[in-house]
Protein backbone atom coordinates (compact mmCIF):
# COMPACT_ATOMS: atom_id res chain seq x y z
CA MET A 1 23.87 2.70 -29.56
CA TYR A 2 20.51 3.94 -28.29
CA LYS A 3 19.51 7.58 -29.34
CA TYR A 4 18.21 8.22 -25.68
CA LYS A 5 19.02 7.61 -22.08
CA VAL A 6 16.28 7.46 -19.44
CA VAL A 7 16.80 8.94 -15.91
CA ALA A 8 14.25 7.80 -13.42
CA THR A 9 14.21 10.23 -10.37
CA ILE A 10 12.16 9.72 -7.15
CA VAL A 11 10.12 12.71 -6.67
CA GLU A 12 7.76 11.15 -3.98
CA ILE A 13 7.20 8.46 -1.46
CA ARG A 14 3.52 8.08 -0.25
CA GLY A 15 2.20 6.80 2.68
CA GLU A 16 4.78 6.86 5.67
CA GLY A 17 7.36 8.64 3.28
CA LYS A 18 9.68 5.78 3.54
CA CYS A 19 10.62 3.31 1.13
CA SER A 20 11.17 -0.15 2.70
CA TYR A 21 14.21 -0.79 0.31
CA GLY A 22 15.59 2.54 1.57
CA HIS A 23 15.22 4.65 -1.90
CA LYS A 24 14.98 8.45 -0.70
CA ILE A 25 13.48 11.40 -2.93
CA GLY A 26 16.02 12.58 -5.13
CA ASP A 27 17.60 9.39 -5.89
CA THR A 28 18.32 8.97 -9.65
CA PHE A 29 19.13 6.14 -11.80
CA GLU A 30 20.14 5.73 -15.50
CA PHE A 31 18.88 3.63 -17.90
CA THR A 32 20.99 3.17 -21.09
CA LYS A 33 22.04 -0.30 -22.32
CA TYR A 34 22.48 -1.53 -18.86
CA THR A 35 20.23 -2.05 -15.96
CA PRO A 36 21.22 0.56 -13.05
CA GLY A 37 22.98 -0.54 -9.87
CA GLY A 38 21.07 0.01 -6.55
CA LEU A 39 17.42 -0.11 -8.17
CA CYS A 40 14.87 -2.40 -6.13
CA GLN A 41 13.86 -5.26 -8.12
CA PHE A 42 10.53 -4.57 -7.68
CA ALA A 43 10.75 -1.06 -8.69
CA TYR A 44 12.74 -2.15 -11.82
CA ASP A 45 10.24 -4.54 -12.81
CA SER A 46 7.65 -2.02 -12.50
CA LEU A 47 9.51 0.70 -14.68
CA ARG A 48 10.98 -1.37 -17.12
CA SER A 49 8.23 -1.46 -19.66
CA ALA A 50 7.82 2.57 -19.55
CA VAL A 51 11.66 2.93 -19.79
CA ALA A 52 11.77 0.55 -22.93
CA ALA A 53 9.02 2.66 -24.41
CA LEU A 54 10.82 5.74 -23.76
CA LEU A 55 14.23 4.37 -25.02
CA TYR A 56 13.10 3.56 -28.18
CA GLY A 57 11.15 6.76 -28.88
CA GLY A 58 7.75 5.94 -27.71
CA TYR A 59 5.60 8.04 -25.85
CA PHE A 60 2.06 7.95 -23.66
CA PRO A 61 -0.94 9.15 -24.94
CA TRP A 62 -1.66 10.85 -21.32
CA ALA A 63 1.55 12.38 -20.84
CA GLU A 64 1.58 16.31 -21.92
CA ASP A 65 5.17 15.91 -22.71
CA SER A 66 6.57 13.14 -24.81
CA ASN A 67 9.67 12.94 -23.05
CA LEU A 68 8.49 12.80 -19.66
CA THR A 69 6.27 10.83 -17.72
CA THR A 70 5.89 9.59 -13.95
CA TRP A 71 5.52 5.77 -12.68
CA ALA A 72 5.19 4.05 -9.57
CA CYS A 73 6.60 1.13 -7.77
CA PRO A 74 4.09 -1.41 -6.95
CA ASP A 75 4.20 -1.14 -3.11
CA PRO A 76 0.51 -0.56 -2.09
CA ASP A 77 1.17 1.24 1.20
CA ARG A 78 4.19 3.26 0.61
CA PRO A 79 4.58 3.68 -3.28
CA VAL A 80 7.48 5.31 -4.84
CA ILE A 81 7.00 7.62 -7.42
CA PHE A 82 9.40 7.96 -10.38
CA GLU A 83 9.80 10.67 -12.49
CA LEU A 84 11.02 9.10 -16.06
CA LYS A 85 12.78 11.49 -18.34
CA ARG A 86 14.03 10.70 -21.75
CA ILE A 87 17.25 12.59 -22.94
CA PRO A 88 18.57 12.54 -26.38
CA VAL A 89 21.90 11.11 -26.58
CA GLU A 90 24.80 12.63 -28.49
CA ASN A 91 26.89 10.12 -30.83
CA ASN A 92 30.54 10.85 -30.11
């Protein structure tokens, strides 16, 4: 079982402010041992390495908070900005 989960929350959509897949600001996706449903495949491909790093306890040297970072989908005209937050999971 993972020691963490990662919650990806859409905090901004640049450009026209509309995601071509239909995502909206405030949408959340939880990463544990499964891929979250409903997430655009292009966004998932962009997020997965960062999410994996956070799930396994890694961090990004440029981030002020080792449990929080932002990441973007690859759409060059309307990038969707995700906040990735690592949260400890309690063992039951």
